[in-house]
N, C-alpha and C. Protein backbone atom coordinates (compact mmCIF):
# COMPACT_ATOMS: atom_id res chain seq x y z
N UNK A 1 0.84 -1.17 0.00
CA UNK A 1 0.00 0.00 0.00
C UNK A 1 0.89 1.24 0.00
N UNK A 2 0.43 2.28 -0.74
CA UNK A 2 1.21 3.51 -0.89
C UNK A 2 1.11 4.36 0.37
N UNK A 3 2.21 5.02 0.63
CA UNK A 3 2.22 5.89 1.80
C UNK A 3 1.55 7.22 1.47
N UNK A 4 1.31 7.99 2.49
CA UNK A 4 0.63 9.26 2.30
C UNK A 4 1.46 10.23 1.45
N UNK A 5 2.76 10.25 1.64
CA UNK A 5 3.63 11.15 0.87
C UNK A 5 3.65 10.74 -0.61
N UNK A 6 3.63 9.43 -0.89
CA UNK A 6 3.59 8.96 -2.29
C UNK A 6 2.29 9.36 -2.95
N UNK A 7 1.19 9.24 -2.21
CA UNK A 7 -0.11 9.64 -2.74
C UNK A 7 -0.16 11.14 -3.02
N UNK A 8 0.45 11.94 -2.13
CA UNK A 8 0.48 13.38 -2.35
C UNK A 8 1.30 13.73 -3.59
N UNK A 9 2.42 13.03 -3.79
CA UNK A 9 3.24 13.25 -4.98
C UNK A 9 2.46 12.90 -6.25
N UNK A 10 1.74 11.79 -6.22
CA UNK A 10 0.93 11.38 -7.36
C UNK A 10 -0.17 12.41 -7.63
N UNK A 11 -0.76 12.94 -6.57
CA UNK A 11 -1.81 13.95 -6.70
C UNK A 11 -1.25 15.22 -7.33
N UNK A 12 -0.07 15.66 -6.88
CA UNK A 12 0.58 16.84 -7.45
C UNK A 12 0.87 16.63 -8.93
N UNK A 13 1.37 15.43 -9.25
CA UNK A 13 1.71 15.12 -10.65
C UNK A 13 0.44 15.12 -11.50
N UNK A 14 -0.63 14.54 -11.01
CA UNK A 14 -1.89 14.50 -11.75
C UNK A 14 -2.46 15.90 -11.94
N UNK A 15 -2.37 16.76 -10.92
CA UNK A 15 -2.85 18.13 -11.04
C UNK A 15 -2.04 18.91 -12.08
N UNK A 16 -0.73 18.69 -12.08
CA UNK A 16 0.13 19.36 -13.05
C UNK A 16 -0.22 18.92 -14.47
N UNK A 17 -0.41 17.63 -14.68
CA UNK A 17 -0.79 17.12 -16.00
C UNK A 17 -2.14 17.67 -16.44
N UNK A 18 -3.08 17.75 -15.49
CA UNK A 18 -4.40 18.29 -15.80
C UNK A 18 -4.30 19.76 -16.20
N UNK A 19 -3.50 20.53 -15.49
CA UNK A 19 -3.30 21.94 -15.80
C UNK A 19 -2.71 22.10 -17.20
N UNK A 20 -1.70 21.29 -17.54
CA UNK A 20 -1.08 21.35 -18.86
C UNK A 20 -2.08 20.96 -19.95
N UNK A 21 -2.90 19.95 -19.68
CA UNK A 21 -3.90 19.52 -20.66
C UNK A 21 -4.93 20.63 -20.88
N UNK A 22 -5.33 21.30 -19.82
CA UNK A 22 -6.30 22.41 -19.97
C UNK A 22 -5.70 23.54 -20.78
N UNK A 23 -4.42 23.84 -20.57
CA UNK A 23 -3.75 24.89 -21.35
C UNK A 23 -3.70 24.52 -22.83
N UNK A 24 -3.41 23.25 -23.12
CA UNK A 24 -3.37 22.80 -24.50
C UNK A 24 -4.73 22.90 -25.16
N UNK A 25 -5.78 22.55 -24.42
CA UNK A 25 -7.15 22.65 -24.95
C UNK A 25 -7.49 24.11 -25.23
N UNK A 26 -7.09 24.99 -24.31
CA UNK A 26 -7.36 26.42 -24.50
C UNK A 26 -6.64 26.94 -25.74
N UNK A 27 -5.38 26.58 -25.92
CA UNK A 27 -4.61 26.99 -27.09
C UNK A 27 -5.24 26.43 -28.36
N UNK A 28 -5.70 25.20 -28.32
CA UNK A 28 -6.34 24.59 -29.50
C UNK A 28 -7.62 25.32 -29.87
N UNK A 29 -8.39 25.74 -28.87
CA UNK A 29 -9.63 26.48 -29.14
C UNK A 29 -9.31 27.83 -29.79
N UNK A 30 -8.27 28.49 -29.29
CA UNK A 30 -7.86 29.77 -29.88
C UNK A 30 -7.42 29.57 -31.33
N UNK A 31 -6.62 28.54 -31.57
CA UNK A 31 -6.14 28.24 -32.92
C UNK A 31 -7.32 27.91 -33.84
N UNK A 32 -8.27 27.15 -33.34
CA UNK A 32 -9.45 26.80 -34.13
C UNK A 32 -10.24 28.05 -34.49
N UNK A 33 -10.39 28.97 -33.55
CA UNK A 33 -11.10 30.23 -33.80
C UNK A 33 -10.39 31.02 -34.91
N UNK A 34 -9.08 31.08 -34.85
CA UNK A 34 -8.31 31.78 -35.87
C UNK A 34 -8.52 31.14 -37.24
N UNK A 35 -8.45 29.82 -37.30
CA UNK A 35 -8.64 29.13 -38.57
C UNK A 35 -10.03 29.36 -39.14
N UNK A 36 -11.04 29.37 -38.26
CA UNK A 36 -12.41 29.60 -38.72
C UNK A 36 -12.57 31.01 -39.27
N UNK A 37 -11.95 31.99 -38.62
CA UNK A 37 -12.01 33.36 -39.11
C UNK A 37 -11.33 33.48 -40.47
N UNK A 38 -10.18 32.85 -40.61
CA UNK A 38 -9.48 32.88 -41.90
C UNK A 38 -10.30 32.21 -42.99
N UNK A 39 -10.95 31.11 -42.66
CA UNK A 39 -11.79 30.41 -43.62
C UNK A 39 -12.97 31.28 -44.03
N UNK A 40 -13.60 31.95 -43.06
CA UNK A 40 -14.72 32.85 -43.38
C UNK A 40 -14.26 33.99 -44.28
N UNK A 41 -13.13 34.58 -43.96
CA UNK A 41 -12.60 35.67 -44.79
C UNK A 41 -12.33 35.19 -46.21
N UNK A 42 -11.75 34.01 -46.34
CA UNK A 42 -11.47 33.46 -47.66
C UNK A 42 -12.77 33.23 -48.43
N UNK A 43 -13.77 32.67 -47.77
CA UNK A 43 -15.04 32.38 -48.44
C UNK A 43 -15.71 33.67 -48.91
N UNK A 44 -15.68 34.71 -48.07
CA UNK A 44 -16.27 35.99 -48.48
C UNK A 44 -15.53 36.59 -49.67
N UNK A 45 -14.21 36.55 -49.61
CA UNK A 45 -13.42 37.09 -50.72
C UNK A 45 -13.65 36.30 -51.99
N UNK A 46 -13.70 34.99 -51.86
CA UNK A 46 -13.93 34.13 -53.02
C UNK A 46 -15.30 34.41 -53.64
N UNK A 47 -16.31 34.56 -52.80
CA UNK A 47 -17.65 34.85 -53.30
C UNK A 47 -17.68 36.20 -54.01
N UNK A 48 -17.02 37.20 -53.44
CA UNK A 48 -16.96 38.53 -54.05
C UNK A 48 -16.30 38.47 -55.42
N UNK A 49 -15.16 37.78 -55.50
CA UNK A 49 -14.45 37.69 -56.78
C UNK A 49 -15.26 36.92 -57.81
N UNK A 50 -15.93 35.84 -57.40
CA UNK A 50 -16.76 35.09 -58.33
C UNK A 50 -17.91 35.94 -58.87
N UNK A 51 -18.55 36.70 -58.00
CA UNK A 51 -19.65 37.54 -58.47
C UNK A 51 -19.12 38.66 -59.37
N UNK A 52 -17.95 39.21 -59.05
CA UNK A 52 -17.35 40.26 -59.88
C UNK A 52 -17.04 39.72 -61.27
N UNK A 53 -16.46 38.53 -61.33
CA UNK A 53 -16.10 37.94 -62.62
C UNK A 53 -17.34 37.58 -63.43
N UNK A 54 -18.34 37.04 -62.78
CA UNK A 54 -19.54 36.63 -63.51
C UNK A 54 -20.36 37.82 -64.01
N UNK A 55 -20.21 39.00 -63.39
CA UNK A 55 -20.96 40.18 -63.80
C UNK A 55 -20.18 41.11 -64.71
N UNK A 56 -19.04 40.66 -65.23
CA UNK A 56 -18.21 41.50 -66.09
C UNK A 56 -18.85 41.67 -67.46
N UNK A 57 -18.63 42.85 -68.02
CA UNK A 57 -19.07 43.10 -69.39
C UNK A 57 -17.86 42.92 -70.30
N UNK A 58 -18.10 42.94 -71.58
CA UNK A 58 -17.01 42.80 -72.55
C UNK A 58 -16.06 44.00 -72.46
N UNK A 59 -16.61 45.17 -72.17
CA UNK A 59 -15.77 46.37 -72.02
C UNK A 59 -14.81 46.20 -70.84
N UNK A 60 -15.32 45.63 -69.74
CA UNK A 60 -14.47 45.39 -68.58
C UNK A 60 -13.34 44.41 -68.92
N UNK A 61 -13.67 43.38 -69.67
CA UNK A 61 -12.66 42.39 -70.07
C UNK A 61 -11.59 43.06 -70.93
N UNK A 62 -12.03 43.89 -71.89
CA UNK A 62 -11.08 44.58 -72.76
C UNK A 62 -10.18 45.52 -71.95
N UNK A 63 -10.74 46.23 -70.97
CA UNK A 63 -9.95 47.12 -70.12
C UNK A 63 -8.91 46.32 -69.34
N UNK A 64 -9.32 45.20 -68.81
CA UNK A 64 -8.39 44.37 -68.04
C UNK A 64 -7.26 43.85 -68.90
N UNK A 65 -7.59 43.45 -70.13
CA UNK A 65 -6.55 42.95 -71.04
C UNK A 65 -5.57 44.06 -71.40
N UNK A 66 -6.09 45.26 -71.65
CA UNK A 66 -5.22 46.40 -71.95
C UNK A 66 -4.32 46.73 -70.76
N UNK A 67 -4.91 46.73 -69.58
CA UNK A 67 -4.13 47.03 -68.36
C UNK A 67 -3.05 45.98 -68.14
N UNK A 68 -3.37 44.73 -68.40
CA UNK A 68 -2.38 43.66 -68.23
C UNK A 68 -1.25 43.83 -69.23
N UNK A 69 -1.59 44.17 -70.48
CA UNK A 69 -0.56 44.36 -71.49
C UNK A 69 0.36 45.53 -71.12
N UNK A 70 -0.23 46.63 -70.64
CA UNK A 70 0.57 47.78 -70.23
C UNK A 70 1.47 47.43 -69.05
N UNK A 71 0.92 46.69 -68.11
CA UNK A 71 1.72 46.29 -66.94
C UNK A 71 2.89 45.41 -67.37
N UNK A 72 2.62 44.46 -68.25
CA UNK A 72 3.67 43.56 -68.72
C UNK A 72 4.77 44.34 -69.43
N UNK A 73 4.36 45.28 -70.28
CA UNK A 73 5.33 46.10 -71.01
C UNK A 73 6.18 46.93 -70.04
N UNK A 74 5.53 47.55 -69.08
CA UNK A 74 6.25 48.36 -68.08
C UNK A 74 7.18 47.48 -67.26
N UNK A 75 6.71 46.30 -66.88
CA UNK A 75 7.53 45.39 -66.09
C UNK A 75 8.79 44.99 -66.86
N UNK A 76 8.63 44.66 -68.13
CA UNK A 76 9.79 44.27 -68.94
C UNK A 76 10.78 45.41 -69.09
N UNK A 77 10.27 46.65 -69.28
CA UNK A 77 11.17 47.81 -69.38
C UNK A 77 11.93 47.99 -68.07
N UNK A 78 11.20 47.93 -66.96
CA UNK A 78 11.84 48.09 -65.65
C UNK A 78 12.88 47.01 -65.40
N UNK A 79 12.56 45.80 -65.80
CA UNK A 79 13.49 44.68 -65.61
C UNK A 79 14.74 44.90 -66.45
N UNK A 80 14.57 45.36 -67.68
CA UNK A 80 15.70 45.62 -68.56
C UNK A 80 16.58 46.73 -67.99
N UNK A 81 15.97 47.78 -67.48
CA UNK A 81 16.73 48.88 -66.88
C UNK A 81 17.49 48.39 -65.65
N UNK A 82 16.84 47.58 -64.84
CA UNK A 82 17.50 47.06 -63.64
C UNK A 82 18.68 46.17 -64.00
N UNK A 83 18.52 45.34 -65.02
CA UNK A 83 19.62 44.47 -65.45
C UNK A 83 20.79 45.29 -65.99
N UNK A 84 20.48 46.33 -66.77
CA UNK A 84 21.53 47.20 -67.31
C UNK A 84 22.27 47.89 -66.17
N UNK A 85 21.52 48.37 -65.19
CA UNK A 85 22.13 49.03 -64.04
C UNK A 85 23.02 48.06 -63.27
N UNK A 86 22.54 46.84 -63.06
CA UNK A 86 23.33 45.83 -62.35
C UNK A 86 24.63 45.52 -63.09
N UNK A 87 24.56 45.45 -64.42
CA UNK A 87 25.76 45.18 -65.21
C UNK A 87 26.75 46.33 -65.08
N UNK A 88 26.24 47.56 -65.06
CA UNK A 88 27.13 48.71 -64.92
C UNK A 88 27.81 48.72 -63.56
N UNK A 89 27.10 48.28 -62.55
CA UNK A 89 27.69 48.23 -61.22
C UNK A 89 28.80 47.17 -61.17
N UNK A 90 28.56 46.03 -61.84
CA UNK A 90 29.54 44.95 -61.83
C UNK A 90 30.83 45.35 -62.56
N UNK A 91 30.68 46.12 -63.63
CA UNK A 91 31.85 46.51 -64.42
C UNK A 91 32.45 47.77 -63.80
N UNK A 92 33.55 47.60 -63.16
CA UNK A 92 34.24 48.75 -62.56
C UNK A 92 35.57 48.91 -63.28
N UNK A 93 35.65 49.91 -64.12
CA UNK A 93 36.87 50.13 -64.88
C UNK A 93 37.81 51.04 -64.11
N UNK A 94 39.03 50.57 -63.90
CA UNK A 94 40.05 51.35 -63.22
C UNK A 94 41.05 51.82 -64.27
N UNK A 95 40.76 52.93 -64.89
CA UNK A 95 41.63 53.42 -65.97
C UNK A 95 42.78 54.26 -65.45
N UNK A 96 42.80 54.58 -64.18
CA UNK A 96 43.87 55.42 -63.64
C UNK A 96 45.21 54.71 -63.66
N UNK A 97 45.23 53.40 -63.56
CA UNK A 97 46.50 52.67 -63.48
C UNK A 97 47.02 52.18 -64.82
N UNK A 98 46.40 52.51 -65.93
CA UNK A 98 46.82 52.01 -67.24
C UNK A 98 47.89 52.93 -67.80
N UNK A 99 49.02 52.33 -68.14
CA UNK A 99 50.11 53.10 -68.78
C UNK A 99 50.54 52.36 -70.02
N UNK A 100 50.61 53.04 -71.11
CA UNK A 100 51.05 52.50 -72.40
C UNK A 100 50.23 51.30 -72.83
N UNK A 101 48.98 51.28 -72.49
CA UNK A 101 48.10 50.20 -72.92
C UNK A 101 48.31 48.89 -72.18
N UNK A 102 49.17 48.88 -71.16
CA UNK A 102 49.44 47.67 -70.41
C UNK A 102 48.53 47.65 -69.18
N UNK A 103 47.61 46.68 -69.12
CA UNK A 103 46.66 46.63 -68.02
C UNK A 103 47.06 45.66 -66.92
N UNK A 104 48.11 44.93 -67.10
CA UNK A 104 48.54 43.96 -66.10
C UNK A 104 49.28 44.68 -64.98
N UNK A 105 48.86 44.50 -63.76
CA UNK A 105 49.49 45.18 -62.62
C UNK A 105 50.93 44.68 -62.41
N UNK A 106 51.17 43.42 -62.71
CA UNK A 106 52.52 42.89 -62.51
C UNK A 106 53.49 43.58 -63.47
N UNK A 107 53.07 43.78 -64.73
CA UNK A 107 53.95 44.42 -65.69
C UNK A 107 54.17 45.89 -65.34
N UNK A 108 53.15 46.54 -64.76
CA UNK A 108 53.28 47.94 -64.39
C UNK A 108 54.24 48.10 -63.21
N UNK A 109 54.19 47.14 -62.28
CA UNK A 109 55.06 47.23 -61.12
C UNK A 109 56.50 46.91 -61.47
N UNK A 110 56.70 46.11 -62.49
CA UNK A 110 58.04 45.72 -62.89
C UNK A 110 58.78 46.90 -63.53
N UNK A 111 58.06 47.88 -64.03
CA UNK A 111 58.70 49.01 -64.71
C UNK A 111 59.32 49.96 -63.76
């Protein structure tokens, strides 16, 4: 038979486990609430977009296609400019040390 001190230790351990389990349940409920809110937001947004797409006129479609083409053209120009700028940064010409067309530092130091 267990002694009184052993029973008290078991009781403390069981209370601690119960407290931890309650905290986990509370955290799970909070997480579930967050997921439900995100799901509701997604459903509302999805419904709005579906109704917007289904109620489009041909003029709206043409405007969207024109806007997409303009965006693509602008994006490509910006990308080309950025690439050109990056190449210019990479190329660092040090023309101050060139003498008589010799660009090798070893040959310049030997003179």
